[in-house]
Protein backbone atom coordinates (compact mmCIF):
# COMPACT_ATOMS: atom_id res chain seq x y z
CA MET A 1 7.74 7.99 -13.61
CA LYS A 2 6.48 7.88 -10.30
CA TYR A 3 5.04 4.41 -8.21
CA ALA A 4 2.94 5.18 -5.42
CA ILE A 5 1.66 3.04 -2.83
CA ILE A 6 -1.54 3.29 -0.81
CA ASP A 7 -2.90 1.41 1.83
CA LEU A 8 -6.35 -0.57 1.11
CA PRO A 9 -6.67 -2.81 4.79
CA LEU A 10 -9.76 -5.03 3.54
CA GLU A 11 -10.99 -5.13 6.95
CA SER A 12 -14.13 -7.11 5.61
CA ILE A 13 -11.55 -9.81 4.56
CA HIS A 14 -8.98 -9.58 7.64
CA SER A 15 -9.96 -8.32 10.73
CA ALA A 16 -6.50 -7.37 11.75
CA ALA A 17 -5.57 -5.92 8.13
CA PHE A 18 -5.72 -2.24 9.70
CA ARG A 19 -3.37 -3.01 12.27
CA GLY A 20 -1.24 -4.85 9.45
CA ALA A 21 -1.18 -1.41 7.52
CA GLU A 22 0.21 -0.22 10.92
CA THR A 23 2.78 -2.46 11.62
CA VAL A 24 4.23 -2.16 7.92
CA ARG A 25 4.17 1.60 8.11
CA CYS A 26 6.13 1.37 11.94
CA ALA A 27 8.13 -1.15 10.50
CA GLY A 28 9.29 1.78 7.89
CA GLU A 29 10.38 3.69 10.82
CA GLN A 30 13.20 1.26 11.08
CA GLY A 31 13.99 0.76 7.37
CA LYS A 32 11.87 -2.52 7.20
CA TYR A 33 8.67 -1.34 5.31
CA TRP A 34 9.18 -3.69 2.65
CA GLU A 35 10.46 -6.58 4.46
CA MET A 36 7.56 -6.22 6.74
CA ARG A 37 4.86 -6.09 4.02
CA ASP A 38 6.61 -9.03 2.53
CA ARG A 39 6.22 -11.01 5.95
CA LEU A 40 2.85 -10.02 6.60
CA PHE A 41 1.31 -10.96 3.10
CA ALA A 42 2.95 -14.23 3.29
CA ASN A 43 1.84 -14.69 6.88
CA PRO A 44 -1.88 -12.94 7.01
CA GLN A 45 -2.84 -15.38 10.03
CA SER A 46 -0.13 -14.02 12.03
CA ILE A 47 -0.29 -10.52 11.39
CA THR A 48 -1.07 -9.33 14.99
CA ASP A 49 1.85 -10.87 16.29
CA ALA A 50 4.25 -7.97 15.88
CA ALA A 51 6.53 -9.04 18.42
CA SER A 52 7.78 -12.40 16.33
CA HIS A 53 7.81 -10.56 12.96
CA ALA A 54 10.21 -7.86 14.84
CA ALA A 55 12.21 -10.22 16.21
CA ALA A 56 12.59 -12.40 12.39
CA LEU A 57 13.23 -8.84 10.59
CA GLY A 58 15.67 -7.33 13.39
CA ILE A 59 13.40 -4.77 14.39
CA ASP A 60 13.76 -3.40 17.94
CA PRO A 61 10.21 -4.47 19.04
CA LYS A 62 9.74 -1.82 21.62
CA LYS A 63 10.17 0.86 19.26
CA LEU A 64 7.66 -1.03 16.79
CA ASP A 65 5.37 -1.09 19.79
CA GLY A 66 5.41 2.38 20.76
CA CYS A 67 4.54 3.27 17.16
CA LEU A 68 1.25 0.90 17.05
CA ALA A 69 0.72 2.06 20.54
CA SER A 70 0.58 5.91 19.30
CA GLY A 71 -1.70 5.31 16.04
CA LYS A 72 0.25 7.63 14.58
CA TYR A 73 -0.40 6.27 10.97
CA ALA A 74 -3.98 5.36 11.44
CA ALA A 75 -5.35 8.63 9.90
CA GLY A 76 -3.16 8.51 6.92
CA ILE A 77 -4.30 5.03 6.43
CA ARG A 78 -7.70 5.80 6.64
CA ALA A 79 -7.25 8.70 4.29
CA ASP A 80 -5.80 6.19 1.88
CA MET A 81 -8.88 3.94 1.92
CA SER A 82 -10.91 7.00 1.57
CA GLN A 83 -8.87 7.63 -1.88
CA ALA A 84 -9.19 4.49 -2.61
CA GLN A 85 -13.05 4.56 -2.55
CA LYS A 86 -13.18 7.61 -4.49
CA LEU A 87 -11.44 6.24 -7.28
CA GLY A 88 -13.47 3.09 -7.10
CA ILE A 89 -10.90 0.68 -5.95
CA GLU A 90 -12.32 -2.11 -3.95
CA GLY A 91 -9.54 -4.85 -4.07
CA THR A 92 -6.06 -5.35 -3.86
CA PRO A 93 -4.00 -5.51 -5.87
CA SER A 94 -5.17 -2.42 -7.98
CA PHE A 95 -3.16 -0.60 -10.09
CA LEU A 96 -3.80 3.28 -11.01
CA LEU A 97 -1.97 4.75 -14.24
CA ALA A 98 -2.24 8.62 -13.89
CA ILE A 99 -0.68 11.46 -15.56
CA PRO A 100 -0.02 14.84 -14.81
CA ASP A 101 -2.92 17.37 -15.94
CA ALA A 102 -1.45 20.32 -17.54
CA ALA A 103 -4.11 22.97 -15.97
CA SER A 104 -3.80 21.68 -12.34
CA GLY A 105 -0.98 20.05 -12.09
CA LYS A 106 -2.52 17.12 -10.20
CA LEU A 107 -2.44 13.66 -11.37
CA LYS A 108 -5.07 12.62 -13.89
CA PRO A 109 -6.45 8.79 -13.64
CA ILE A 110 -6.62 7.41 -16.77
CA ARG A 111 -6.90 3.46 -16.29
CA LEU A 112 -7.24 1.06 -13.23
CA THR A 113 -6.64 -2.37 -13.50
CA THR A 114 -7.07 -5.16 -10.72
CA GLY A 115 -5.13 -8.24 -10.04
CA ALA A 116 -1.57 -9.75 -10.52
CA ARG A 117 -0.30 -8.95 -13.90
CA PRO A 118 2.89 -9.70 -15.56
CA PHE A 119 5.15 -7.00 -16.61
CA SER A 120 4.41 -6.74 -20.01
CA SER A 121 0.81 -5.79 -19.38
CA PHE A 122 1.68 -2.86 -17.17
CA GLN A 123 4.40 -1.96 -20.40
CA SER A 124 1.70 -2.15 -22.74
CA MET A 125 -0.81 0.11 -20.61
CA ILE A 126 2.27 2.49 -20.20
CA ASP A 127 3.05 2.62 -23.92
CA THR A 128 -0.45 2.94 -24.60
CA ALA A 129 -1.05 6.04 -22.55
CA LEU A 130 2.02 7.64 -23.87
CA ALA A 131 1.18 7.20 -27.10
CA ASP A 132 -1.96 8.69 -26.79
CA LEU A 133 -0.26 11.74 -25.03
CA LYS A 134 1.44 12.70 -28.55
């Protein structure tokens, strides 16, 4: 089983969301992806204050700034946004359950759900999908 995250910064809701996605990916270079992600979601009003977030997480601010200035993750984030759009994902959080297609080897989406859900909801979806495969 695999768990994957794609970026879907909702710029129509928060003008700095795209910058936040870049900041999270750049923090990942210093081993702080999840910490930065959690921090920015908890503090959406200060997404653009990379220096204070870096200091709070013990990240080298010069490396973070250099990564952000390079824009090296922008194309990947835009590709994630395009993929989400093709799958009909419009909001966050969204979860897509997919299975490998035997013919192509690619993942075949079988269920899309949106909104925060308890673990039991996911367990039920997975159990149903596994039963359907038999």
